[in-house]
């Protein structure tokens, strides 16, 4: 996955940002935000894929129904055309 954004932190007290404990908390929060954004992205991908699969299934069903409905009349027409050529 590529870069989705950037987190900027502007501390009120510049001295506190150099403390290891504060840096660790900033890192934890940044990781949680990153994981959350990744999950949102993959949920959107899953929904899009599900929608595409449903559309493809519907398309195949429609084509199957149309081809089935057209086969019988076409078979009759072909039969009639063959019988006319034999006469």
PDB file of N, CA and C in Angstrom:
ATOM      1  N   UNK A   1       0.840  -1.172   0.000  1.00  0.00           N
ATOM      2  CA  UNK A   1       0.000   0.000   0.000  1.00  0.00           C
ATOM      3  C   UNK A   1       0.886   1.237   0.000  1.00  0.00           C
ATOM      4  N   UNK A   2       0.481   2.231  -0.750  1.00  0.00           N
ATOM      5  CA  UNK A   2       1.270   3.449  -0.861  1.00  0.00           C
ATOM      6  C   UNK A   2       0.968   4.438   0.252  1.00  0.00           C
ATOM      7  N   UNK A   3       1.578   5.582   0.150  1.00  0.00           N
ATOM      8  CA  UNK A   3       1.387   6.636   1.140  1.00  0.00           C
ATOM      9  C   UNK A   3      -0.025   7.199   1.003  1.00  0.00           C
ATOM     10  N   UNK A   4      -0.725   7.329   2.104  1.00  0.00           N
ATOM     11  CA  UNK A   4      -2.091   7.852   2.115  1.00  0.00           C
ATOM     12  C   UNK A   4      -2.148   9.261   2.683  1.00  0.00           C
ATOM     13  N   UNK A   5      -1.123   9.654   3.387  1.00  0.00           N
ATOM     14  CA  UNK A   5      -1.138  10.979   3.993  1.00  0.00           C
ATOM     15  C   UNK A   5       0.085  11.179   4.852  1.00  0.00           C
ATOM     16  N   UNK A   6       0.064  12.261   5.593  1.00  0.00           N
ATOM     17  CA  UNK A   6       1.188  12.570   6.454  1.00  0.00           C
ATOM     18  C   UNK A   6       0.639  13.147   7.750  1.00  0.00           C
ATOM     19  N   UNK A   7       1.244  12.750   8.841  1.00  0.00           N
ATOM     20  CA  UNK A   7       0.829  13.245  10.154  1.00  0.00           C
ATOM     21  C   UNK A   7       1.850  14.269  10.621  1.00  0.00           C
ATOM     22  N   UNK A   8       1.385  15.445  10.946  1.00  0.00           N
ATOM     23  CA  UNK A   8       2.258  16.499  11.462  1.00  0.00           C
ATOM     24  C   UNK A   8       1.861  16.784  12.910  1.00  0.00           C
ATOM     25  N   UNK A   9       2.848  16.869  13.755  1.00  0.00           N
ATOM     26  CA  UNK A   9       2.606  17.132  15.172  1.00  0.00           C
ATOM     27  C   UNK A   9       3.295  18.433  15.531  1.00  0.00           C
ATOM     28  N   UNK A  10       2.507  19.337  16.090  1.00  0.00           N
ATOM     29  CA  UNK A  10       3.066  20.605  16.534  1.00  0.00           C
ATOM     30  C   UNK A  10       2.864  20.704  18.054  1.00  0.00           C
ATOM     31  N   UNK A  11       3.920  20.441  18.795  1.00  0.00           N
ATOM     32  CA  UNK A  11       3.781  20.447  20.259  1.00  0.00           C
ATOM     33  C   UNK A  11       3.686  21.872  20.804  1.00  0.00           C
ATOM     34  N   UNK A  12       2.965  21.970  21.911  1.00  0.00           N
ATOM     35  CA  UNK A  12       2.893  23.280  22.578  1.00  0.00           C
ATOM     36  C   UNK A  12       4.220  23.605  23.260  1.00  0.00           C
ATOM     37  N   UNK A  13       4.849  22.551  23.750  1.00  0.00           N
ATOM     38  CA  UNK A  13       6.124  22.722  24.447  1.00  0.00           C
ATOM     39  C   UNK A  13       7.187  21.922  23.685  1.00  0.00           C
ATOM     40  N   UNK A  14       8.112  22.616  23.048  1.00  0.00           N
ATOM     41  CA  UNK A  14       9.127  21.962  22.217  1.00  0.00           C
ATOM     42  C   UNK A  14      10.020  21.016  23.030  1.00  0.00           C
ATOM     43  N   UNK A  15      10.211  21.295  24.304  1.00  0.00           N
ATOM     44  CA  UNK A  15      11.087  20.431  25.121  1.00  0.00           C
ATOM     45  C   UNK A  15      10.461  19.062  25.348  1.00  0.00           C
ATOM     46  N   UNK A  16       9.139  19.000  25.430  1.00  0.00           N
ATOM     47  CA  UNK A  16       8.472  17.731  25.724  1.00  0.00           C
ATOM     48  C   UNK A  16       8.545  16.751  24.560  1.00  0.00           C
ATOM     49  N   UNK A  17       8.625  17.277  23.361  1.00  0.00           N
ATOM     50  CA  UNK A  17       8.642  16.396  22.187  1.00  0.00           C
ATOM     51  C   UNK A  17       9.923  15.568  22.132  1.00  0.00           C
ATOM     52  N   UNK A  18      10.958  16.030  22.775  1.00  0.00           N
ATOM     53  CA  UNK A  18      12.220  15.278  22.771  1.00  0.00           C
ATOM     54  C   UNK A  18      12.244  14.179  23.825  1.00  0.00           C
ATOM     55  N   UNK A  19      11.264  14.176  24.710  1.00  0.00           N
ATOM     56  CA  UNK A  19      11.205  13.122  25.727  1.00  0.00           C
ATOM     57  C   UNK A  19      10.841  11.793  25.066  1.00  0.00           C
ATOM     58  N   UNK A  20      11.550  10.718  25.417  1.00  0.00           N
ATOM     59  CA  UNK A  20      11.281   9.407  24.802  1.00  0.00           C
ATOM     60  C   UNK A  20       9.836   8.936  24.998  1.00  0.00           C
ATOM     61  N   UNK A  21       9.271   9.213  26.164  1.00  0.00           N
ATOM     62  CA  UNK A  21       7.897   8.779  26.439  1.00  0.00           C
ATOM     63  C   UNK A  21       6.907   9.477  25.505  1.00  0.00           C
ATOM     64  N   UNK A  22       7.099  10.768  25.288  1.00  0.00           N
ATOM     65  CA  UNK A  22       6.212  11.512  24.384  1.00  0.00           C
ATOM     66  C   UNK A  22       6.350  11.024  22.942  1.00  0.00           C
ATOM     67  N   UNK A  23       7.569  10.773  22.532  1.00  0.00           N
ATOM     68  CA  UNK A  23       7.801  10.268  21.175  1.00  0.00           C
ATOM     69  C   UNK A  23       7.152   8.898  20.997  1.00  0.00           C
ATOM     70  N   UNK A  24       7.224   8.080  22.033  1.00  0.00           N
ATOM     71  CA  UNK A  24       6.611   6.760  21.953  1.00  0.00           C
ATOM     72  C   UNK A  24       5.099   6.880  21.809  1.00  0.00           C
ATOM     73  N   UNK A  25       4.465   7.799  22.529  1.00  0.00           N
ATOM     74  CA  UNK A  25       3.019   7.992  22.429  1.00  0.00           C
ATOM     75  C   UNK A  25       2.622   8.514  21.044  1.00  0.00           C
ATOM     76  N   UNK A  26       3.410   9.419  20.524  1.00  0.00           N
ATOM     77  CA  UNK A  26       3.135   9.937  19.179  1.00  0.00           C
ATOM     78  C   UNK A  26       3.225   8.805  18.161  1.00  0.00           C
ATOM     79  N   UNK A  27       4.234   7.953  18.312  1.00  0.00           N
ATOM     80  CA  UNK A  27       4.395   6.813  17.411  1.00  0.00           C
ATOM     81  C   UNK A  27       3.214   5.852  17.525  1.00  0.00           C
ATOM     82  N   UNK A  28       2.752   5.592  18.724  1.00  0.00           N
ATOM     83  CA  UNK A  28       1.605   4.699  18.927  1.00  0.00           C
ATOM     84  C   UNK A  28       0.356   5.266  18.264  1.00  0.00           C
ATOM     85  N   UNK A  29       0.091   6.527  18.475  1.00  0.00           N
ATOM     86  CA  UNK A  29      -1.091   7.162  17.879  1.00  0.00           C
ATOM     87  C   UNK A  29      -0.993   7.149  16.353  1.00  0.00           C
ATOM     88  N   UNK A  30       0.190   7.423  15.832  1.00  0.00           N
ATOM     89  CA  UNK A  30       0.376   7.416  14.379  1.00  0.00           C
ATOM     90  C   UNK A  30       0.124   6.022  13.812  1.00  0.00           C
ATOM     91  N   UNK A  31       0.575   4.988  14.493  1.00  0.00           N
ATOM     92  CA  UNK A  31       0.365   3.616  14.025  1.00  0.00           C
ATOM     93  C   UNK A  31      -1.118   3.237  14.061  1.00  0.00           C
ATOM     94  N   UNK A  32      -1.811   3.648  15.112  1.00  0.00           N
ATOM     95  CA  UNK A  32      -3.246   3.356  15.202  1.00  0.00           C
ATOM     96  C   UNK A  32      -4.003   4.050  14.077  1.00  0.00           C
ATOM     97  N   UNK A  33      -3.665   5.291  13.801  1.00  0.00           N
ATOM     98  CA  UNK A  33      -4.303   6.022  12.703  1.00  0.00           C
ATOM     99  C   UNK A  33      -4.007   5.326  11.371  1.00  0.00           C
ATOM    100  N   UNK A  34      -2.771   4.909  11.192  1.00  0.00           N
ATOM    101  CA  UNK A  34      -2.372   4.224   9.964  1.00  0.00           C
ATOM    102  C   UNK A  34      -3.150   2.929   9.766  1.00  0.00           C
ATOM    103  N   UNK A  35      -3.273   2.138  10.809  1.00  0.00           N
ATOM    104  CA  UNK A  35      -4.019   0.878  10.732  1.00  0.00           C
ATOM    105  C   UNK A  35      -5.491   1.148  10.423  1.00  0.00           C
ATOM    106  N   UNK A  36      -6.048   2.173  11.039  1.00  0.00           N
ATOM    107  CA  UNK A  36      -7.453   2.522  10.794  1.00  0.00           C
ATOM    108  C   UNK A  36      -7.674   2.930   9.343  1.00  0.00           C
ATOM    109  N   UNK A  37      -6.779   3.735   8.805  1.00  0.00           N
ATOM    110  CA  UNK A  37      -6.909   4.152   7.405  1.00  0.00           C
ATOM    111  C   UNK A  37      -6.768   2.967   6.459  1.00  0.00           C
ATOM    112  N   UNK A  38      -5.873   2.046   6.781  1.00  0.00           N
ATOM    113  CA  UNK A  38      -5.717   0.845   5.965  1.00  0.00           C
ATOM    114  C   UNK A  38      -6.991   0.013   5.957  1.00  0.00           C
ATOM    115  N   UNK A  39      -7.593  -0.138   7.123  1.00  0.00           N
ATOM    116  CA  UNK A  39      -8.829  -0.915   7.220  1.00  0.00           C
ATOM    117  C   UNK A  39      -9.942  -0.270   6.407  1.00  0.00           C
ATOM    118  N   UNK A  40     -10.064   1.039   6.480  1.00  0.00           N
ATOM    119  CA  UNK A  40     -11.084   1.744   5.703  1.00  0.00           C
ATOM    120  C   UNK A  40     -10.840   1.522   4.208  1.00  0.00           C
ATOM    121  N   UNK A  41      -9.591   1.590   3.792  1.00  0.00           N
ATOM    122  CA  UNK A  41      -9.251   1.369   2.380  1.00  0.00           C
ATOM    123  C   UNK A  41      -9.645  -0.040   1.952  1.00  0.00           C
ATOM    124  N   UNK A  42      -9.293  -1.050   2.736  1.00  0.00           N
ATOM    125  CA  UNK A  42      -9.584  -2.426   2.343  1.00  0.00           C
ATOM    126  C   UNK A  42     -11.080  -2.743   2.405  1.00  0.00           C
ATOM    127  N   UNK A  43     -11.809  -2.085   3.272  1.00  0.00           N
ATOM    128  CA  UNK A  43     -13.266  -2.247   3.291  1.00  0.00           C
ATOM    129  C   UNK A  43     -13.853  -1.708   1.984  1.00  0.00           C
ATOM    130  N   UNK A  44     -13.362  -0.566   1.544  1.00  0.00           N
ATOM    131  CA  UNK A  44     -13.836   0.008   0.281  1.00  0.00           C
ATOM    132  C   UNK A  44     -13.490  -0.908  -0.893  1.00  0.00           C
ATOM    133  N   UNK A  45     -12.291  -1.481  -0.880  1.00  0.00           N
ATOM    134  CA  UNK A  45     -11.891  -2.414  -1.947  1.00  0.00           C
ATOM    135  C   UNK A  45     -12.795  -3.647  -1.939  1.00  0.00           C
ATOM    136  N   UNK A  46     -13.074  -4.180  -0.752  1.00  0.00           N
ATOM    137  CA  UNK A  46     -13.935  -5.360  -0.649  1.00  0.00           C
ATOM    138  C   UNK A  46     -15.349  -5.062  -1.141  1.00  0.00           C
ATOM    139  N   UNK A  47     -15.877  -3.899  -0.786  1.00  0.00           N
ATOM    140  CA  UNK A  47     -17.218  -3.530  -1.239  1.00  0.00           C
ATOM    141  C   UNK A  47     -17.261  -3.369  -2.753  1.00  0.00           C
ATOM    142  N   UNK A  48     -16.239  -2.756  -3.316  1.00  0.00           N
ATOM    143  CA  UNK A  48     -16.176  -2.575  -4.762  1.00  0.00           C
ATOM    144  C   UNK A  48     -16.082  -3.927  -5.470  1.00  0.00           C
ATOM    145  N   UNK A  49     -15.281  -4.826  -4.934  1.00  0.00           N
ATOM    146  CA  UNK A  49     -15.139  -6.158  -5.534  1.00  0.00           C
ATOM    147  C   UNK A  49     -16.441  -6.933  -5.446  1.00  0.00           C
ATOM    148  N   UNK A  50     -17.121  -6.843  -4.313  1.00  0.00           N
ATOM    149  CA  UNK A  50     -18.403  -7.527  -4.145  1.00  0.00           C
ATOM    150  C   UNK A  50     -19.423  -6.992  -5.151  1.00  0.00           C
ATOM    151  N   UNK A  51     -19.446  -5.691  -5.336  1.00  0.00           N
ATOM    152  CA  UNK A  51     -20.360  -5.074  -6.296  1.00  0.00           C
ATOM    153  C   UNK A  51     -20.047  -5.537  -7.721  1.00  0.00           C
ATOM    154  N   UNK A  52     -18.774  -5.588  -8.078  1.00  0.00           N
ATOM    155  CA  UNK A  52     -18.385  -6.044  -9.414  1.00  0.00           C
ATOM    156  C   UNK A  52     -18.768  -7.506  -9.625  1.00  0.00           C
ATOM    157  N   UNK A  53     -18.574  -8.335  -8.603  1.00  0.00           N
ATOM    158  CA  UNK A  53     -18.935  -9.752  -8.719  1.00  0.00           C
ATOM    159  C   UNK A  53     -20.442  -9.913  -8.899  1.00  0.00           C
ATOM    160  N   UNK A  54     -21.220  -9.137  -8.157  1.00  0.00           N
ATOM    161  CA  UNK A  54     -22.674  -9.181  -8.289  1.00  0.00           C
ATOM    162  C   UNK A  54     -23.118  -8.735  -9.673  1.00  0.00           C
ATOM    163  N   UNK A  55     -22.490  -7.688 -10.184  1.00  0.00           N
ATOM    164  CA  UNK A  55     -22.820  -7.197 -11.529  1.00  0.00           C
ATOM    165  C   UNK A  55     -22.493  -8.249 -12.582  1.00  0.00           C
ATOM    166  N   UNK A  56     -21.351  -8.898 -12.438  1.00  0.00           N
ATOM    167  CA  UNK A  56     -20.961  -9.933 -13.396  1.00  0.00           C
ATOM    168  C   UNK A  56     -21.916 -11.128 -13.334  1.00  0.00           C
ATOM    169  N   UNK A  57     -22.325 -11.502 -12.121  1.00  0.00           N
ATOM    170  CA  UNK A  57     -23.278 -12.600 -11.962  1.00  0.00           C
ATOM    171  C   UNK A  57     -24.617 -12.261 -12.620  1.00  0.00           C
ATOM    172  N   UNK A  58     -25.082 -11.043 -12.408  1.00  0.00           N
ATOM    173  CA  UNK A  58     -26.339 -10.589 -13.020  1.00  0.00           C
ATOM    174  C   UNK A  58     -26.233 -10.577 -14.544  1.00  0.00           C
ATOM    175  N   UNK A  59     -25.134 -10.071 -15.048  1.00  0.00           N
ATOM    176  CA  UNK A  59     -24.909 -10.031 -16.494  1.00  0.00           C
ATOM    177  C   UNK A  59     -24.942 -11.445 -17.083  1.00  0.00           C
ATOM    178  N   UNK A  60     -24.250 -12.369 -16.429  1.00  0.00           N
ATOM    179  CA  UNK A  60     -24.236 -13.751 -16.919  1.00  0.00           C
ATOM    180  C   UNK A  60     -25.626 -14.382 -16.871  1.00  0.00           C
ATOM    181  N   UNK A  61     -26.385 -14.085 -15.834  1.00  0.00           N
ATOM    182  CA  UNK A  61     -27.754 -14.618 -15.737  1.00  0.00           C
ATOM    183  C   UNK A  61     -28.636 -14.082 -16.856  1.00  0.00           C
ATOM    184  N   UNK A  62     -28.527 -12.805 -17.121  1.00  0.00           N
ATOM    185  CA  UNK A  62     -29.333 -12.189 -18.185  1.00  0.00           C
ATOM    186  C   UNK A  62     -28.955 -12.777 -19.542  1.00  0.00           C
ATOM    187  N   UNK A  63     -27.658 -12.888 -19.805  1.00  0.00           N
ATOM    188  CA  UNK A  63     -27.227 -13.456 -21.088  1.00  0.00           C
ATOM    189  C   UNK A  63     -27.668 -14.905 -21.231  1.00  0.00           C
ATOM    190  N   UNK A  64     -27.619 -15.654 -20.152  1.00  0.00           N
ATOM    191  CA  UNK A  64     -28.046 -17.053 -20.191  1.00  0.00           C
ATOM    192  C   UNK A  64     -29.543 -17.148 -20.478  1.00  0.00           C
ATOM    193  N   UNK A  65     -30.322 -16.301 -19.820  1.00  0.00           N
ATOM    194  CA  UNK A  65     -31.773 -16.315 -20.035  1.00  0.00           C
ATOM    195  C   UNK A  65     -32.117 -15.909 -21.458  1.00  0.00           C
ATOM    196  N   UNK A  66     -31.464 -14.880 -21.965  1.00  0.00           N
ATOM    197  CA  UNK A  66     -31.739 -14.415 -23.330  1.00  0.00           C
ATOM    198  C   UNK A  66     -31.356 -15.488 -24.337  1.00  0.00           C
ATOM    199  N   UNK A  67     -30.192 -16.097 -24.156  1.00  0.00           N
ATOM    200  CA  UNK A  67     -29.770 -17.107 -25.128  1.00  0.00           C
ATOM    201  C   UNK A  67     -30.691 -18.321 -25.080  1.00  0.00           C
ATOM    202  N   UNK A  68     -31.173 -18.666 -23.891  1.00  0.00           N
ATOM    203  CA  UNK A  68     -32.114 -19.784 -23.777  1.00  0.00           C
ATOM    204  C   UNK A  68     -33.433 -19.453 -24.465  1.00  0.00           C
ATOM    205  N   UNK A  69     -33.920 -18.235 -24.240  1.00  0.00           N
ATOM    206  CA  UNK A  69     -35.191 -17.817 -24.841  1.00  0.00           C
ATOM    207  C   UNK A  69     -35.103 -17.690 -26.363  1.00  0.00           C
ATOM    208  N   UNK A  70     -33.919 -17.406 -26.879  1.00  0.00           N
ATOM    209  CA  UNK A  70     -33.765 -17.262 -28.328  1.00  0.00           C
ATOM    210  C   UNK A  70     -33.492 -18.590 -29.028  1.00  0.00           C
ATOM    211  N   UNK A  71     -32.963 -19.566 -28.305  1.00  0.00           N
ATOM    212  CA  UNK A  71     -32.606 -20.841 -28.936  1.00  0.00           C
ATOM    213  C   UNK A  71     -33.813 -21.559 -29.529  1.00  0.00           C
ATOM    214  N   UNK A  72     -34.912 -21.625 -28.793  1.00  0.00           N
ATOM    215  CA  UNK A  72     -36.092 -22.357 -29.270  1.00  0.00           C
ATOM    216  C   UNK A  72     -36.663 -21.744 -30.545  1.00  0.00           C
ATOM    217  N   UNK A  73     -36.935 -20.452 -30.585  1.00  0.00           N
ATOM    218  CA  UNK A  73     -37.454 -19.887 -31.843  1.00  0.00           C
ATOM    219  C   UNK A  73     -36.460 -20.015 -32.994  1.00  0.00           C
ATOM    220  N   UNK A  74     -35.179 -19.883 -32.698  1.00  0.00           N
ATOM    221  CA  UNK A  74     -34.188 -20.020 -33.763  1.00  0.00           C
ATOM    222  C   UNK A  74     -34.138 -21.450 -34.282  1.00  0.00           C
ATOM    223  N   UNK A  75     -34.270 -22.423 -33.388  1.00  0.00           N
ATOM    224  CA  UNK A  75     -34.281 -23.823 -33.811  1.00  0.00           C
ATOM    225  C   UNK A  75     -35.481 -24.096 -34.718  1.00  0.00           C
ATOM    226  N   UNK A  76     -36.622 -23.533 -34.375  1.00  0.00           N
ATOM    227  CA  UNK A  76     -37.821 -23.698 -35.208  1.00  0.00           C
ATOM    228  C   UNK A  76     -37.599 -23.060 -36.572  1.00  0.00           C
ATOM    229  N   UNK A  77     -37.025 -21.853 -36.584  1.00  0.00           N
ATOM    230  CA  UNK A  77     -36.769 -21.175 -37.856  1.00  0.00           C
ATOM    231  C   UNK A  77     -35.777 -21.957 -38.718  1.00  0.00           C
ATOM    232  N   UNK A  78     -34.743 -22.476 -38.099  1.00  0.00           N
ATOM    233  CA  UNK A  78     -33.772 -23.270 -38.852  1.00  0.00           C
ATOM    234  C   UNK A  78     -34.427 -24.517 -39.406  1.00  0.00           C
ATOM    235  N   UNK A  79     -35.262 -25.168 -38.608  1.00  0.00           N
ATOM    236  CA  UNK A  79     -35.992 -26.349 -39.075  1.00  0.00           C
ATOM    237  C   UNK A  79     -36.892 -26.024 -40.245  1.00  0.00           C
ATOM    238  N   UNK A  80     -37.628 -24.918 -40.155  1.00  0.00           N
ATOM    239  CA  UNK A  80     -38.505 -24.507 -41.254  1.00  0.00           C
ATOM    240  C   UNK A  80     -37.704 -24.169 -42.511  1.00  0.00           C
ATOM    241  N   UNK A  81     -36.573 -23.502 -42.331  1.00  0.00           N
ATOM    242  CA  UNK A  81     -35.729 -23.164 -43.480  1.00  0.00           C
ATOM    243  C   UNK A  81     -35.199 -24.424 -44.144  1.00  0.00           C
ATOM    244  N   UNK A  82     -34.815 -25.416 -43.336  1.00  0.00           N
ATOM    245  CA  UNK A  82     -34.324 -26.686 -43.901  1.00  0.00           C
ATOM    246  C   UNK A  82     -35.444 -27.396 -44.663  1.00  0.00           C
ATOM    247  N   UNK A  83     -36.636 -27.390 -44.115  1.00  0.00           N
ATOM    248  CA  UNK A  83     -37.753 -28.089 -44.783  1.00  0.00           C
ATOM    249  C   UNK A  83     -38.135 -27.371 -46.085  1.00  0.00           C
ATOM    250  N   UNK A  84     -37.961 -26.073 -46.118  1.00  0.00           N
ATOM    251  CA  UNK A  84     -38.274 -25.332 -47.341  1.00  0.00           C
ATOM    252  C   UNK A  84     -37.258 -25.604 -48.429  1.00  0.00           C
ATOM    253  N   UNK A  85     -36.033 -25.830 -48.069  1.00  0.00           N
ATOM    254  CA  UNK A  85     -35.005 -26.111 -49.080  1.00  0.00           C
ATOM    255  C   UNK A  85     -35.135 -27.518 -49.637  1.00  0.00           C
ATOM    256  N   UNK A  86     -35.764 -28.421 -48.884  1.00  0.00           N
ATOM    257  CA  UNK A  86     -35.927 -29.792 -49.340  1.00  0.00           C
ATOM    258  C   UNK A  86     -37.075 -29.919 -50.357  1.00  0.00           C
ATOM    259  N   UNK A  87     -37.968 -28.970 -50.348  1.00  0.00           N
ATOM    260  CA  UNK A  87     -39.134 -29.052 -51.234  1.00  0.00           C
ATOM    261  C   UNK A  87     -38.806 -28.671 -52.625  1.00  0.00           C
TER     262      UNK A  87
END
